[in-house]
Protein backbone atom coordinates (compact mmCIF):
# COMPACT_ATOMS: atom_id res chain seq x y z
CA MET A 1 0.00 0.00 0.00
CA ALA A 2 1.30 3.46 -0.85
CA GLU A 3 2.13 5.74 2.01
CA LEU A 4 0.51 9.14 2.24
CA GLU A 5 2.50 12.13 3.27
CA ILE A 6 0.54 14.60 5.36
CA ARG A 7 1.88 18.13 5.48
CA THR A 8 0.95 20.82 7.93
CA ALA A 9 0.09 24.29 6.70
CA GLN A 10 3.43 25.60 7.92
CA GLY A 11 5.40 22.74 6.40
CA GLU A 12 3.54 22.96 3.11
CA HIS A 13 4.14 26.68 2.73
CA GLY A 14 7.45 26.88 4.49
CA GLU A 15 9.26 28.31 1.49
CA ASN A 16 6.81 31.22 1.08
CA PRO A 17 5.91 33.03 4.30
CA LEU A 18 3.43 35.25 2.38
CA VAL A 19 1.00 32.45 1.56
CA ILE A 20 -1.03 32.66 4.75
CA PRO A 21 -1.22 36.49 5.02
CA ALA A 22 -1.93 36.85 1.30
CA SER A 23 -4.58 34.11 1.42
CA LEU A 24 -6.23 35.76 4.41
CA THR A 25 -6.15 39.12 2.64
CA MET A 26 -7.68 37.55 -0.47
CA SER A 27 -10.45 36.01 1.61
CA ILE A 28 -11.25 39.36 3.21
CA LEU A 29 -11.18 41.14 -0.15
CA ALA A 30 -13.50 38.49 -1.64
CA VAL A 31 -16.01 38.93 1.20
CA LEU A 32 -15.89 42.72 0.88
CA ALA A 33 -16.38 42.48 -2.90
CA ALA A 34 -19.40 40.22 -2.32
CA VAL A 35 -20.88 42.71 0.17
CA ALA A 36 -20.34 45.60 -2.26
CA THR A 37 -21.99 43.52 -4.99
CA LEU A 38 -25.00 42.81 -2.77
CA PHE A 39 -25.50 46.48 -1.92
CA GLY A 40 -25.00 47.44 -5.57
CA HIS A 41 -27.69 44.99 -6.70
CA ARG A 42 -30.07 46.28 -4.04
CA ALA A 43 -29.49 49.88 -5.05
CA HIS A 44 -30.09 49.03 -8.72
CA THR A 45 -33.33 47.24 -7.79
CA GLU A 46 -34.52 50.26 -5.82
CA GLU A 47 -33.56 52.46 -8.76
CA LEU A 48 -35.68 50.37 -11.14
CA LEU A 49 -38.64 50.42 -8.77
CA MET A 50 -38.40 54.19 -8.43
CA GLN A 51 -38.22 54.52 -12.22
CA ALA A 52 -41.38 52.44 -12.53
CA GLN A 53 -43.14 54.63 -9.98
CA ALA A 54 -42.04 57.81 -11.77
CA THR A 55 -43.25 56.37 -15.09
CA ASP A 56 -46.61 55.53 -13.53
CA GLN A 57 -46.83 59.05 -12.15
CA TRP A 58 -46.12 60.55 -15.58
CA ALA A 59 -48.80 58.30 -17.10
CA TYR A 60 -51.23 59.58 -14.48
CA TYR A 61 -50.18 63.14 -15.35
CA GLN A 62 -50.82 62.45 -19.02
CA ALA A 63 -54.26 61.01 -18.27
CA LYS A 64 -55.15 64.14 -16.30
CA ASN A 65 -53.82 66.30 -19.12
CA ILE A 66 -55.98 64.49 -21.66
CA ARG A 67 -59.04 64.97 -19.46
CA LEU A 68 -58.15 68.65 -19.05
CA HIS A 69 -58.06 69.12 -22.83
CA GLU A 70 -61.36 67.28 -23.20
CA MET A 71 -62.99 69.57 -20.65
CA GLN A 72 -61.47 72.67 -22.27
CA GLY A 73 -62.87 71.51 -25.59
CA MET A 74 -66.33 71.15 -24.04
CA VAL A 75 -66.13 74.63 -22.51
CA ASP A 76 -65.07 76.08 -25.87
CA LEU A 77 -67.75 74.16 -27.71
CA LEU A 78 -70.50 75.28 -25.35
CA SER A 79 -69.31 78.87 -25.77
CA VAL A 80 -69.85 78.93 -29.51
CA VAL A 81 -72.84 76.70 -30.20
CA THR A 82 -76.39 77.88 -29.92
CA THR A 83 -78.73 75.70 -27.94
CA GLN A 84 -82.41 75.69 -27.16
CA ASP A 85 -81.90 75.80 -23.37
CA LYS A 86 -79.35 78.55 -22.74
CA GLU A 87 -79.65 78.27 -18.95
CA LYS A 88 -78.86 74.54 -18.95
CA THR A 89 -76.01 75.14 -21.41
CA GLU A 90 -74.51 77.78 -19.12
CA LEU A 91 -74.76 75.40 -16.13
CA MET A 92 -72.96 72.69 -18.09
CA ARG A 93 -70.35 75.19 -19.24
CA GLU A 94 -69.67 76.26 -15.64
CA LYS A 95 -69.47 72.62 -14.56
CA TYR A 96 -66.85 71.93 -17.23
CA LYS A 97 -64.95 75.11 -16.32
CA LYS A 98 -64.68 73.88 -12.72
CA GLU A 99 -63.42 70.53 -13.99
CA VAL A 100 -60.80 72.35 -16.09
CA GLU A 101 -59.59 74.19 -12.98
CA ARG A 102 -59.52 70.98 -10.93
CA TYR A 103 -57.60 69.03 -13.56
CA SER A 104 -55.21 71.93 -14.01
CA SER A 105 -54.37 72.08 -10.29
CA ASP A 106 -54.14 68.25 -10.01
CA LYS A 107 -51.76 68.18 -12.93
CA ASP A 108 -49.23 70.41 -11.19
CA SER A 109 -49.05 68.31 -8.02
CA ILE A 110 -48.77 65.10 -10.04
CA SER A 111 -45.93 66.60 -12.07
CA GLU A 112 -44.07 67.64 -8.91
CA LYS A 113 -44.39 64.15 -7.45
CA ALA A 114 -43.08 62.58 -10.66
CA LYS A 115 -40.09 64.95 -10.66
CA GLU A 116 -39.35 64.08 -7.02
CA GLN A 117 -39.43 60.39 -7.89
CA GLU A 118 -37.05 60.97 -10.80
CA HIS A 119 -34.70 62.85 -8.48
CA GLU A 120 -34.81 59.95 -5.99
CA ARG A 121 -34.12 57.53 -8.87
CA ASP A 122 -31.06 59.58 -9.84
CA LEU A 123 -29.77 59.46 -6.26
CA LEU A 124 -30.24 55.70 -6.18
CA ARG A 125 -28.38 55.37 -9.49
CA ALA A 126 -25.44 57.38 -8.12
CA ARG A 127 -25.46 55.25 -4.98
CA ALA A 128 -25.46 52.04 -7.03
CA ASP A 129 -22.61 53.38 -9.17
CA ARG A 130 -20.50 53.90 -6.05
CA PHE A 131 -21.15 50.35 -4.87
CA ASP A 132 -20.29 49.07 -8.36
CA ALA A 133 -17.05 51.08 -8.38
CA GLY A 134 -16.14 49.69 -4.96
CA GLU A 135 -16.85 46.17 -6.17
CA GLY A 136 -14.66 46.61 -9.25
CA ILE A 137 -11.77 48.09 -7.28
CA LEU A 138 -11.99 45.31 -4.68
CA GLU A 139 -11.87 42.70 -7.45
CA ILE A 140 -8.77 44.36 -8.89
CA ALA A 141 -7.19 44.28 -5.42
CA LEU A 142 -8.06 40.60 -5.18
CA VAL A 143 -6.30 39.82 -8.46
CA ILE A 144 -3.23 41.84 -7.48
CA CYS A 145 -3.12 40.07 -4.13
CA SER A 146 -3.15 36.72 -5.91
CA LEU A 147 0.02 37.81 -7.72
CA THR A 148 1.72 37.69 -4.33
CA LEU A 149 1.30 33.93 -4.31
CA LEU A 150 2.72 33.61 -7.81
CA THR A 151 5.69 35.92 -7.42
CA ASP A 152 6.55 35.72 -3.70
CA LYS A 153 6.84 39.52 -3.68
CA LYS A 154 5.47 41.61 -0.83
CA LEU A 155 4.97 44.57 -3.17
CA PHE A 156 1.86 42.97 -4.68
CA TRP A 157 0.45 42.23 -1.22
CA TYR A 158 0.96 45.83 -0.06
CA ALA A 159 -0.44 47.20 -3.32
CA ALA A 160 -3.50 44.94 -2.98
CA MET A 161 -4.14 46.19 0.55
CA ILE A 162 -3.87 49.83 -0.54
CA ILE A 163 -6.15 49.26 -3.53
CA GLY A 164 -8.51 47.32 -1.25
CA VAL A 165 -8.78 50.33 1.07
CA VAL A 166 -9.64 52.49 -1.95
CA GLY A 167 -12.30 49.94 -2.93
CA ILE A 168 -13.74 49.94 0.58
CA ALA A 169 -13.86 53.75 0.54
CA ALA A 170 -15.59 53.77 -2.85
CA ALA A 171 -18.20 51.25 -1.70
CA PHE A 172 -18.69 53.06 1.60
CA ALA A 173 -19.37 56.26 -0.34
CA GLY A 174 -22.56 54.55 -1.52
CA PHE A 175 -23.88 54.73 2.03
CA LEU A 176 -22.96 58.39 2.33
CA HIS A 177 -24.63 59.52 -0.93
CA HIS A 178 -28.03 61.07 -0.22
């Protein structure tokens, strides 16, 4: 039967003292990249939901605008046509004029709400972009850190840690963007 040789972590990596610290750094960078990815996906989902709400609000605005034009057309029509019952015509005309005023005032508030939702969507997009940037930078740091294992050079490990800090800062900026 063949004998198996069991090596300890220290014995296996005895020639390269950077294996354990670089591996630990890579693990931390991978977790941080995953967290940044998660928050980026959430921010993009919120952005899409806010876009849908803003689109719905603009559709509501358009519906009110169409009704406003219909009512204005009725007011104009009742102003120029001659009818048999002038009193009833004037009552209808006044009714439609009130509707025109109501639709006109509703339209403004609906428009403001839609613009607020678009502004919120833009903030969410900027937030998601920061998380995405942090994710990308952390992935670059992860790759550079892996070069430590291939080259046995501390320079790559230090560079990866510095780049990782930049990636963490970029991702953290997503929380600060309001």
